[in-house]
Amino acid sequence: MGLQSLQYCAFLVVVAAVYLHLPVRMQPVFLLGASWVFYALAMPAMLPVTIALAVFTYLCGRGLAWRGGAHKTAFLRLGVIGMLGILAFFKYNGLLGGVLHGWRAVAMPLGISFTSFAAIAYLIDAARGDCEVETSFIRLALFLNFFATVTQGPICRAGALLPQLSAAHRFDAARTVRALRLYALGLFKYIAVADVLNMVVDTVFPHYADYSAPMLILTAVMYTFYLYFSFSGYSEISRATGLVLGLDLPENFKTPFYATNFSGFWSRWHISFSSWLQDYLFMPLAWADLGRFGRLPTELCVFCVFFASGFWHGSTAPFIIWGLLQAVYRVGEELLHRRFGKPKKRGTPARVLWGKRVVVFVLWTISMVFFRVGSGNLSGVAESLGVGDAFAYLGRCLMNSWSPARFAGELYSTAYTGFYANTIMVAAYWAFAALALALGIWLDHRRNFACKNKPAEVALASAERRNALYVVLIVFILVGYIMQSGGFNANAFGPYAGF
């Protein structure tokens, strides 16, 4: 039951209708129960694991305050090392098959990376005194397992979310209107843009050797936008869910493709993850005292952080290279700043700023080829691609045929043989994909420049003729559903898609 699905919409309506009318003391209990139901519907076999992780985190947290904190360090180490060990086991236990004969890989629990990072942040913050040790297991488990964040984040901070779980929440018309705006925007990004673009990505990538350079470049760009609109759309649906229930969740994306360097990019992309890396990995590395060796150079700390982010995403070579590329981008940037000084945006010509944005986008798109290859069967396509394929893909982008006639033929054949056997639907697909992507880019452009990166729902509400814009978003969502459901049935009358 993905957050973009109609089933989730019905689930949220039922949960909100009950939750907002319950007594305060029952609200966390009900919301935790709903979260476990949501998890059980998605991955029932791993629900006990998720509950056990919550119990482990709760006990380690209570241990921080046991006997006045006399054993704080021991319980903090137990909690952090334990959570990292559990996360590593589930993410990488498949590698044991090459070492232990007969080993069968254990499936990774849904959202364990986000749960583990939230738990580690809670334990460290509680040990530092940045948040209170939570005495209620119900509230702590809800913090870790909340259905809107458990699968793909954002990674919430205990000091911000736990106090909200103790407050009374009632229906608020203004918050609900904000939530509906954000929900519509998230669905538009996820369904009308990301899922539609991914239809071509999933067709081309497994068979990249059959395509010319322009088609491969277009597909890489489409994947870059797919990942952004998919993840940011999901995050906005998650925030909309929180708003309906009276909870403020953190923003996860702020127009990252308008950043002029990679430090700015990572302050706008997957913000909850990048800020986690900043606070709980980079800062401890940067401030670690190595005795007579002093402290680690900043560049080495930056390199370690981004290299580790590659391992966090996956253990395969493509993800490791993706992490290395991010490390090289950021360290290279730091070295340039050290040599020439940090550039100032004020007074910099617009053409220079746009040139920098293009460079950041191109470098990011190159790294996304490795990310897509590493993602493999996550798309549902039976394929077996390795790091060599990523390099071959990039090589073909530079050296393969640049024939306009061949490119035009590939635009047609990709959609015709990949998912539509109808010439009219092929034309409709490319027209709709271009319009949806253009609208998504325009919304980000307006948010970045006209609205100074205010929250997405605030930027949306400030648009001229906003009611017409809401209608346009809804129409795009509906057509997006149709496009990925086989398109308009050629043998049927009217706007029917075989749902």
Protein backbone atom coordinates (compact mmCIF):
# COMPACT_ATOMS: atom_id res chain seq x y z
CA MET A 1 0.00 0.00 0.00
CA GLY A 2 2.15 2.84 -1.30
CA LEU A 3 1.43 6.39 -0.18
CA GLN A 4 0.46 7.27 -3.76
CA SER A 5 -2.22 4.55 -3.94
CA LEU A 6 -5.98 4.94 -3.69
CA GLN A 7 -5.94 2.37 -0.87
CA TYR A 8 -3.67 4.62 1.16
CA CYS A 9 -5.98 7.57 0.63
CA ALA A 10 -8.91 5.53 2.01
CA PHE A 11 -6.71 4.28 4.88
CA LEU A 12 -5.71 7.83 5.81
CA VAL A 13 -9.31 9.08 5.76
CA VAL A 14 -10.43 6.32 8.13
CA VAL A 15 -7.42 6.78 10.46
CA ALA A 16 -7.85 10.57 10.60
CA ALA A 17 -11.61 10.34 11.17
CA VAL A 18 -11.09 8.12 14.22
CA TYR A 19 -7.84 9.59 15.53
CA LEU A 20 -9.00 13.22 15.64
CA HIS A 21 -12.02 12.31 17.79
CA LEU A 22 -10.27 10.12 20.36
CA PRO A 23 -9.32 11.24 23.90
CA VAL A 24 -5.77 12.55 24.12
CA ARG A 25 -4.45 9.53 26.04
CA MET A 26 -5.79 7.15 23.36
CA GLN A 27 -4.49 8.98 20.30
CA PRO A 28 -0.89 7.65 20.40
CA VAL A 29 -2.17 4.13 21.09
CA PHE A 30 -4.52 4.21 18.12
CA LEU A 31 -1.96 5.78 15.78
CA LEU A 32 0.64 3.16 16.73
CA GLY A 33 -1.90 0.42 16.09
CA ALA A 34 -2.71 1.94 12.70
CA SER A 35 1.01 2.12 11.90
CA TRP A 36 1.50 -1.55 12.72
CA VAL A 37 -1.54 -2.46 10.62
CA PHE A 38 -0.05 -0.47 7.74
CA TYR A 39 3.26 -2.30 8.17
CA ALA A 40 1.56 -5.70 8.46
CA LEU A 41 -0.29 -5.10 5.19
CA ALA A 42 3.00 -4.28 3.47
CA MET A 43 5.35 -6.86 5.01
CA PRO A 44 3.67 -9.01 7.67
CA ALA A 45 6.62 -11.35 8.25
CA MET A 46 8.83 -8.46 9.37
CA LEU A 47 6.40 -6.73 11.74
CA PRO A 48 7.85 -8.61 14.77
CA VAL A 49 11.33 -7.38 13.78
CA THR A 50 10.11 -3.78 13.63
CA ILE A 51 8.46 -4.10 17.05
CA ALA A 52 11.60 -5.73 18.48
CA LEU A 53 13.73 -2.82 17.23
CA ALA A 54 11.38 -0.39 18.96
CA VAL A 55 11.63 -2.40 22.20
CA PHE A 56 15.44 -2.47 21.95
CA THR A 57 15.62 1.28 21.36
CA TYR A 58 13.21 1.97 24.24
CA LEU A 59 15.21 -0.15 26.70
CA CYS A 60 18.52 1.43 25.64
CA GLY A 61 16.94 4.86 26.02
CA ARG A 62 15.67 4.10 29.51
CA GLY A 63 19.11 2.73 30.34
CA LEU A 64 20.61 6.15 29.61
CA ALA A 65 18.82 7.53 32.68
CA TRP A 66 19.18 4.40 34.84
CA ARG A 67 20.69 5.16 38.25
CA GLY A 68 21.08 8.80 37.37
CA GLY A 69 22.90 8.10 34.11
CA ALA A 70 25.75 6.17 35.71
CA HIS A 71 25.76 3.73 32.78
CA LYS A 72 24.91 6.23 30.06
CA THR A 73 27.95 5.54 27.91
CA ALA A 74 27.47 1.78 28.04
CA PHE A 75 23.83 1.95 26.99
CA LEU A 76 24.57 4.49 24.28
CA ARG A 77 27.25 2.25 22.81
CA LEU A 78 24.98 -0.77 23.07
CA GLY A 79 22.15 1.04 21.32
CA VAL A 80 24.19 2.62 18.52
CA ILE A 81 26.40 -0.40 17.81
CA GLY A 82 23.42 -2.73 18.12
CA MET A 83 21.30 -0.75 15.66
CA LEU A 84 24.18 -0.45 13.19
CA GLY A 85 24.87 -4.18 13.50
CA ILE A 86 21.23 -5.09 12.93
CA LEU A 87 21.04 -2.73 9.95
CA ALA A 88 24.25 -4.15 8.47
CA PHE A 89 23.01 -7.71 8.90
CA PHE A 90 19.74 -7.15 7.07
CA LYS A 91 21.28 -5.01 4.32
CA TYR A 92 24.29 -7.20 3.60
CA ASN A 93 23.50 -10.73 4.82
CA GLY A 94 22.98 -11.78 1.20
CA LEU A 95 26.76 -11.57 0.77
CA LEU A 96 27.13 -14.50 3.20
CA GLY A 97 25.83 -16.79 0.47
CA GLY A 98 29.25 -16.65 -1.15
CA VAL A 99 30.94 -17.66 2.12
CA LEU A 100 28.55 -19.99 3.93
CA HIS A 101 27.30 -22.93 1.88
CA GLY A 102 23.52 -23.17 1.89
CA TRP A 103 22.99 -19.71 3.40
CA ARG A 104 19.65 -18.23 2.37
CA ALA A 105 19.45 -14.45 2.41
CA VAL A 106 17.10 -12.92 4.96
CA ALA A 107 14.77 -10.28 3.54
CA MET A 108 15.36 -6.69 4.64
CA PRO A 109 12.52 -5.30 6.78
CA LEU A 110 10.63 -2.45 5.16
CA GLY A 111 12.17 0.91 6.02
CA ILE A 112 14.77 -0.47 8.42
CA SER A 113 17.34 2.11 7.28
CA PHE A 114 15.09 5.01 8.23
CA THR A 115 14.01 3.35 11.48
CA SER A 116 17.61 2.64 12.46
CA PHE A 117 18.80 6.16 11.73
CA ALA A 118 15.90 7.69 13.67
CA ALA A 119 16.65 5.37 16.62
CA ILE A 120 20.37 6.21 16.61
CA ALA A 121 19.64 9.93 16.45
CA TYR A 122 17.21 9.60 19.39
CA LEU A 123 19.75 7.75 21.55
CA ILE A 124 22.56 10.20 20.80
CA ASP A 125 20.34 13.25 21.36
CA ALA A 126 19.04 11.78 24.63
CA ALA A 127 22.60 11.07 25.81
CA ARG A 128 23.66 14.63 24.91
CA GLY A 129 20.65 16.10 26.67
CA ASP A 130 19.23 17.52 23.43
CA CYS A 131 15.95 15.68 24.06
CA GLU A 132 14.30 13.95 26.98
CA VAL A 133 14.47 10.18 27.44
CA GLU A 134 11.03 8.95 26.40
CA THR A 135 9.32 7.07 29.24
CA SER A 136 6.37 5.85 27.17
CA PHE A 137 7.01 2.85 24.92
CA ILE A 138 3.87 3.71 22.94
CA ARG A 139 5.13 7.17 21.99
CA LEU A 140 8.67 5.97 21.21
CA ALA A 141 7.42 3.09 19.05
CA LEU A 142 5.11 5.51 17.25
CA PHE A 143 8.03 7.88 16.67
CA LEU A 144 9.96 5.03 15.04
CA ASN A 145 7.09 3.26 13.24
CA PHE A 146 4.73 6.08 12.18
CA PHE A 147 3.18 4.83 8.96
CA ALA A 148 3.78 8.04 7.02
CA THR A 149 7.56 7.92 7.55
CA VAL A 150 8.45 4.28 8.22
CA THR A 151 9.04 3.24 4.60
CA GLN A 152 10.96 6.15 3.01
CA GLY A 153 11.29 8.82 5.66
CA PRO A 154 11.80 11.66 6.22
CA ILE A 155 14.09 10.80 9.14
CA CYS A 156 12.49 12.65 12.04
CA ARG A 157 14.28 13.99 15.10
CA ALA A 158 13.00 12.94 18.50
CA GLY A 159 13.25 16.44 19.97
CA ALA A 160 10.87 17.75 17.30
CA LEU A 161 8.36 14.91 16.93
CA LEU A 162 8.06 13.22 20.34
CA PRO A 163 6.57 16.28 22.10
CA GLN A 164 3.94 16.49 19.35
CA LEU A 165 2.86 12.92 20.07
CA SER A 166 1.93 13.93 23.63
CA ALA A 167 -0.31 16.84 22.55
CA ALA A 168 -4.01 16.75 21.75
CA HIS A 169 -4.90 16.88 18.08
CA ARG A 170 -8.26 17.89 16.69
CA PHE A 171 -9.59 18.68 13.25
CA ASP A 172 -8.17 21.98 12.00
CA ALA A 173 -9.63 23.33 8.76
CA ALA A 174 -6.61 25.49 7.89
CA ARG A 175 -4.16 22.62 8.41
CA THR A 176 -6.38 20.28 6.40
CA VAL A 177 -6.48 22.70 3.47
CA ARG A 178 -2.67 22.94 3.57
CA ALA A 179 -2.52 19.16 3.69
CA LEU A 180 -4.81 18.78 0.67
CA ARG A 181 -2.66 21.17 -1.35
CA LEU A 182 0.49 19.27 -0.40
CA TYR A 183 -1.17 15.91 -1.01
CA ALA A 184 -2.25 16.95 -4.51
CA LEU A 185 1.24 18.26 -5.28
CA GLY A 186 2.84 15.05 -4.00
CA LEU A 187 0.49 12.87 -6.05
CA PHE A 188 1.15 14.97 -9.14
CA LYS A 189 4.91 14.58 -8.74
CA TYR A 190 4.73 10.88 -8.00
CA ILE A 191 2.06 9.75 -10.46
CA ALA A 192 1.96 12.25 -13.30
CA VAL A 193 5.70 12.91 -13.53
CA ALA A 194 7.82 10.22 -11.87
CA ASP A 195 5.85 7.09 -12.70
CA VAL A 196 5.25 8.21 -16.27
CA LEU A 197 8.93 9.00 -16.87
CA ASN A 198 9.92 5.68 -15.35
CA MET A 199 8.02 3.79 -18.06
CA VAL A 200 10.76 4.75 -20.54
CA VAL A 201 13.58 4.35 -18.01
CA ASP A 202 12.54 0.77 -17.25
CA THR A 203 12.31 0.01 -20.97
CA VAL A 204 15.66 1.47 -22.02
CA PHE A 205 18.09 0.71 -19.18
CA PRO A 206 17.98 -3.12 -19.34
CA HIS A 207 18.62 -2.96 -23.11
CA TYR A 208 20.85 0.12 -23.29
CA ALA A 209 23.13 -1.49 -25.89
CA ASP A 210 20.31 -1.29 -28.44
CA TYR A 211 19.99 2.50 -28.25
CA SER A 212 21.83 5.48 -29.67
CA ALA A 213 23.54 8.22 -27.66
CA PRO A 214 20.68 10.79 -27.72
CA MET A 215 18.18 8.21 -26.42
CA LEU A 216 20.54 7.11 -23.66
CA ILE A 217 21.21 10.71 -22.61
CA LEU A 218 17.48 11.46 -22.60
CA THR A 219 16.81 8.34 -20.51
CA ALA A 220 19.50 9.25 -17.97
CA VAL A 221 17.97 12.72 -17.61
CA MET A 222 14.51 11.16 -17.30
CA TYR A 223 15.78 8.89 -14.53
CA THR A 224 17.30 11.84 -12.69
CA PHE A 225 13.95 13.63 -12.77
CA TYR A 226 12.09 10.40 -12.00
CA LEU A 227 14.05 9.85 -8.80
CA TYR A 228 13.64 13.45 -7.71
CA PHE A 229 9.91 13.73 -8.37
CA SER A 230 9.25 10.27 -6.97
CA PHE A 231 11.10 10.87 -3.71
CA SER A 232 10.02 14.49 -3.24
CA GLY A 233 6.43 13.56 -4.11
CA TYR A 234 6.49 10.77 -1.53
CA SER A 235 7.94 13.13 1.07
CA GLU A 236 5.21 15.69 0.42
CA ILE A 237 2.48 13.06 0.77
CA SER A 238 4.14 12.08 4.05
CA ARG A 239 4.11 15.69 5.25
CA ALA A 240 0.49 16.06 4.13
CA THR A 241 -0.40 13.00 6.22
CA GLY A 242 1.24 14.59 9.24
CA LEU A 243 -0.63 17.86 8.70
CA VAL A 244 -3.99 16.07 8.59
CA LEU A 245 -3.18 14.41 11.90
CA GLY A 246 -1.82 17.59 13.49
CA LEU A 247 1.87 16.65 13.19
CA ASP A 248 4.60 18.78 11.62
CA LEU A 249 7.11 16.61 9.75
CA PRO A 250 10.35 18.00 8.30
CA GLU A 251 10.69 19.05 4.67
CA ASN A 252 12.91 16.70 2.72
CA PHE A 253 13.50 18.55 -0.58
CA LYS A 254 13.91 22.21 -1.50
CA THR A 255 14.43 22.66 -5.25
CA PRO A 256 17.85 20.91 -5.33
CA PHE A 257 18.42 21.39 -9.06
CA TYR A 258 18.71 25.15 -8.52
CA ALA A 259 21.81 24.72 -6.34
CA THR A 260 25.00 26.15 -7.83
CA ASN A 261 27.35 23.72 -6.05
CA PHE A 262 27.19 20.33 -4.39
CA SER A 263 27.24 21.65 -0.83
CA GLY A 264 24.12 23.60 -1.71
CA PHE A 265 22.68 20.59 -3.52
CA TRP A 266 23.00 18.34 -0.49
CA SER A 267 21.43 20.98 1.74
CA ARG A 268 18.34 20.75 -0.52
CA TRP A 269 18.30 17.03 -1.45
CA HIS A 270 17.01 14.42 1.02
CA ILE A 271 17.52 17.00 3.75
CA SER A 272 16.69 14.71 6.66
CA PHE A 273 19.35 12.22 5.52
CA SER A 274 22.06 14.76 4.68
CA SER A 275 21.51 16.60 7.97
CA TRP A 276 21.71 13.26 9.79
CA LEU A 277 25.07 12.59 8.15
CA GLN A 278 26.18 16.10 9.09
CA ASP A 279 25.20 15.83 12.76
CA TYR A 280 25.96 12.19 13.58
CA LEU A 281 28.84 11.28 11.27
CA PHE A 282 30.65 14.35 9.94
CA MET A 283 30.72 16.32 13.21
CA PRO A 284 32.02 13.41 15.35
CA LEU A 285 34.71 12.74 12.72
CA ALA A 286 35.66 16.41 12.43
CA TRP A 287 35.89 16.89 16.20
CA ALA A 288 37.55 13.57 17.04
CA ASP A 289 40.82 14.13 18.90
CA LEU A 290 43.47 11.68 17.61
CA GLY A 291 46.08 12.70 20.16
CA ARG A 292 49.40 13.65 18.60
CA PHE A 293 47.84 13.26 15.14
CA GLY A 294 45.41 16.08 15.91
CA ARG A 295 42.12 16.12 14.05
CA LEU A 296 41.18 14.65 10.71
CA PRO A 297 41.32 17.05 7.76
CA THR A 298 37.91 18.40 6.78
CA GLU A 299 38.26 17.00 3.27
CA LEU A 300 38.89 13.49 4.61
CA CYS A 301 35.82 13.76 6.85
CA VAL A 302 33.71 14.87 3.90
CA PHE A 303 35.07 12.00 1.80
CA CYS A 304 34.27 9.44 4.52
CA VAL A 305 30.73 10.75 4.95
CA PHE A 306 29.81 10.50 1.28
CA PHE A 307 31.62 7.21 0.79
CA ALA A 308 29.58 5.85 3.72
CA SER A 309 26.39 7.15 2.11
CA GLY A 310 27.10 4.90 -0.87
CA PHE A 311 27.34 1.85 1.41
CA TRP A 312 24.13 2.92 3.15
CA HIS A 313 22.26 2.82 -0.15
CA GLY A 314 23.61 -0.63 -1.06
CA SER A 315 26.55 -3.00 -0.90
CA THR A 316 26.98 -3.50 -4.65
CA ALA A 317 29.77 -1.90 -6.69
CA PRO A 318 27.50 0.61 -8.50
CA PHE A 319 26.36 2.11 -5.18
CA ILE A 320 29.94 2.24 -3.92
CA ILE A 321 31.01 4.11 -7.06
CA TRP A 322 28.00 6.41 -6.68
CA GLY A 323 29.18 7.20 -3.15
CA LEU A 324 32.74 7.72 -4.38
CA LEU A 325 31.51 10.15 -7.03
CA GLN A 326 29.62 12.17 -4.41
CA ALA A 327 32.77 12.19 -2.27
CA VAL A 328 34.89 13.35 -5.22
CA TYR A 329 32.39 16.08 -6.11
CA ARG A 330 32.28 17.45 -2.57
CA VAL A 331 36.00 17.13 -1.80
CA GLY A 332 36.88 18.66 -5.16
CA GLU A 333 34.57 21.53 -4.37
CA GLU A 334 36.17 22.04 -0.95
CA LEU A 335 39.63 22.07 -2.51
CA LEU A 336 38.53 24.63 -5.12
CA HIS A 337 37.05 26.81 -2.38
CA ARG A 338 40.27 26.56 -0.38
CA ARG A 339 42.35 27.52 -3.42
CA PHE A 340 40.17 30.28 -4.89
CA GLY A 341 37.84 31.19 -2.03
CA LYS A 342 34.11 30.56 -1.81
CA PRO A 343 32.24 32.29 -4.64
CA LYS A 344 29.64 34.88 -3.73
CA LYS A 345 26.22 34.73 -5.36
CA ARG A 346 25.54 38.40 -4.86
CA GLY A 347 26.78 40.27 -7.90
CA THR A 348 27.48 37.09 -9.87
CA PRO A 349 26.02 37.28 -13.39
CA ALA A 350 22.95 35.12 -13.96
CA ARG A 351 24.61 33.28 -16.84
CA VAL A 352 27.42 32.18 -14.49
CA LEU A 353 24.95 30.91 -11.89
CA TRP A 354 22.99 29.02 -14.55
CA GLY A 355 26.23 27.58 -15.89
CA LYS A 356 27.05 26.24 -12.44
CA ARG A 357 23.57 24.76 -12.10
CA VAL A 358 24.01 22.96 -15.41
CA VAL A 359 27.39 21.55 -14.32
CA VAL A 360 25.91 20.29 -11.02
CA PHE A 361 22.97 18.73 -12.87
CA VAL A 362 25.21 17.00 -15.45
CA LEU A 363 27.56 15.59 -12.79
CA TRP A 364 24.62 14.44 -10.70
CA THR A 365 23.02 12.76 -13.73
CA ILE A 366 26.26 10.90 -14.48
CA SER A 367 26.25 9.53 -10.93
CA MET A 368 22.60 8.56 -11.30
CA VAL A 369 23.51 6.06 -14.02
CA PHE A 370 25.40 4.08 -11.37
CA PHE A 371 22.53 4.53 -8.92
CA ARG A 372 20.00 3.14 -11.40
CA VAL A 373 22.21 0.19 -12.29
CA GLY A 374 22.66 -0.53 -8.58
CA SER A 375 18.91 -0.35 -7.98
CA GLY A 376 18.40 -3.33 -10.32
CA ASN A 377 15.17 -5.19 -9.67
CA LEU A 378 13.75 -2.46 -7.44
CA SER A 379 11.95 -1.28 -10.55
CA GLY A 380 10.27 -4.63 -11.01
CA VAL A 381 12.13 -5.30 -14.26
CA ALA A 382 13.98 -8.61 -14.54
CA GLU A 383 17.52 -7.49 -15.27
CA SER A 384 21.07 -8.13 -14.25
CA LEU A 385 23.29 -5.08 -14.66
CA GLY A 386 26.68 -4.44 -13.10
CA VAL A 387 29.14 -1.61 -12.73
CA GLY A 388 30.61 -2.42 -16.14
CA ASP A 389 27.21 -1.74 -17.68
CA ALA A 390 27.14 1.69 -16.07
CA PHE A 391 30.49 2.58 -17.60
CA ALA A 392 29.39 1.13 -20.93
CA TYR A 393 26.18 3.16 -20.77
CA LEU A 394 28.13 6.37 -20.22
CA GLY A 395 30.58 5.45 -22.95
CA ARG A 396 27.79 4.95 -25.46
CA CYS A 397 26.43 8.38 -24.54
CA LEU A 398 29.66 9.87 -25.91
CA MET A 399 30.62 7.60 -28.76
CA ASN A 400 27.47 6.04 -30.17
CA SER A 401 25.35 7.15 -33.14
CA TRP A 402 23.99 10.70 -33.13
CA SER A 403 21.61 10.24 -36.07
CA PRO A 404 18.47 12.39 -35.68
CA ALA A 405 16.47 9.92 -37.77
CA ARG A 406 17.48 7.02 -35.54
CA PHE A 407 16.68 9.04 -32.42
CA ALA A 408 13.20 9.87 -33.72
CA GLY A 409 12.63 6.21 -34.50
CA GLU A 410 13.75 5.20 -31.01
CA LEU A 411 11.39 7.70 -29.38
CA TYR A 412 8.55 5.98 -31.22
CA SER A 413 9.70 2.36 -30.86
CA THR A 414 10.55 2.66 -27.16
CA ALA A 415 6.97 3.53 -26.27
CA TYR A 416 5.37 1.36 -28.97
CA THR A 417 7.17 -1.88 -28.10
CA GLY A 418 7.73 -1.07 -24.45
CA PHE A 419 4.23 -0.29 -23.20
CA TYR A 420 1.86 0.95 -25.95
CA ALA A 421 1.04 -0.80 -29.21
CA ASN A 422 -0.89 2.19 -30.45
CA THR A 423 0.53 5.07 -32.49
CA ILE A 424 -1.86 7.64 -31.03
CA MET A 425 -0.95 6.59 -27.48
CA VAL A 426 2.76 6.85 -28.30
CA ALA A 427 2.28 10.48 -29.35
CA ALA A 428 0.04 11.11 -26.33
CA TYR A 429 2.66 9.62 -24.00
CA TRP A 430 5.50 11.86 -25.14
CA ALA A 431 3.26 14.94 -25.17
CA PHE A 432 1.95 14.22 -21.67
CA ALA A 433 5.41 13.37 -20.27
CA ALA A 434 6.81 16.64 -21.64
CA LEU A 435 3.91 18.71 -20.29
CA ALA A 436 3.94 17.06 -16.85
CA LEU A 437 7.71 17.48 -16.52
CA ALA A 438 7.49 21.10 -17.69
CA LEU A 439 4.80 21.83 -15.08
CA GLY A 440 6.86 20.16 -12.33
CA ILE A 441 9.96 22.17 -13.29
CA TRP A 442 7.94 25.40 -13.45
CA LEU A 443 6.54 24.80 -9.96
CA ASP A 444 10.07 24.31 -8.63
CA HIS A 445 11.33 27.35 -10.55
CA ARG A 446 8.61 29.52 -9.05
CA ARG A 447 9.19 28.14 -5.57
CA ASN A 448 12.91 28.81 -5.78
CA PHE A 449 12.82 32.32 -7.22
CA ALA A 450 9.41 33.88 -6.50
CA CYS A 451 8.78 32.20 -3.14
CA LYS A 452 12.35 31.99 -1.76
CA ASN A 453 11.96 28.26 -1.08
CA LYS A 454 9.02 28.59 1.27
CA PRO A 455 7.25 25.28 2.06
CA ALA A 456 5.83 23.71 -1.07
CA GLU A 457 2.19 24.06 -0.05
CA VAL A 458 2.72 27.75 0.80
CA ALA A 459 4.35 28.39 -2.57
CA LEU A 460 1.50 26.58 -4.31
CA ALA A 461 -1.15 28.60 -2.49
CA SER A 462 0.49 31.89 -3.44
CA ALA A 463 0.20 31.27 -7.19
CA GLU A 464 -2.06 33.46 -9.28
CA ARG A 465 -5.21 31.62 -10.36
CA ARG A 466 -4.34 28.96 -7.83
CA ASN A 467 -7.77 27.32 -8.05
CA ALA A 468 -7.19 26.70 -11.75
CA LEU A 469 -3.76 25.30 -10.89
CA TYR A 470 -5.32 22.86 -8.41
CA VAL A 471 -7.69 21.64 -11.14
CA VAL A 472 -4.75 21.21 -13.53
CA LEU A 473 -2.88 19.13 -10.94
CA ILE A 474 -5.89 16.88 -10.41
CA VAL A 475 -6.34 16.40 -14.17
CA PHE A 476 -2.67 15.51 -14.54
CA ILE A 477 -2.96 13.00 -11.68
CA LEU A 478 -5.94 11.29 -13.30
CA VAL A 479 -4.30 11.17 -16.72
CA GLY A 480 -1.09 9.93 -15.09
CA TYR A 481 -3.03 7.00 -13.60
CA ILE A 482 -4.43 6.24 -17.05
CA MET A 483 -1.04 6.50 -18.77
CA GLN A 484 0.54 3.89 -16.52
CA SER A 485 -2.54 1.62 -16.65
CA GLY A 486 -2.29 0.86 -20.34
CA GLY A 487 -3.52 4.16 -21.71
CA PHE A 488 -6.88 4.77 -23.31
CA ASN A 489 -8.29 1.52 -24.63
CA ALA A 490 -8.27 1.77 -28.41
CA ASN A 491 -11.31 -0.52 -28.64
CA ALA A 492 -13.36 1.36 -26.06
CA PHE A 493 -15.38 4.52 -26.41
CA GLY A 494 -14.36 7.60 -24.50
CA PRO A 495 -11.77 8.13 -21.75
CA TYR A 496 -11.62 4.59 -20.46
CA ALA A 497 -8.42 3.07 -19.13
CA GLY A 498 -8.62 -0.58 -18.22
CA PHE A 499 -8.41 -0.20 -14.48
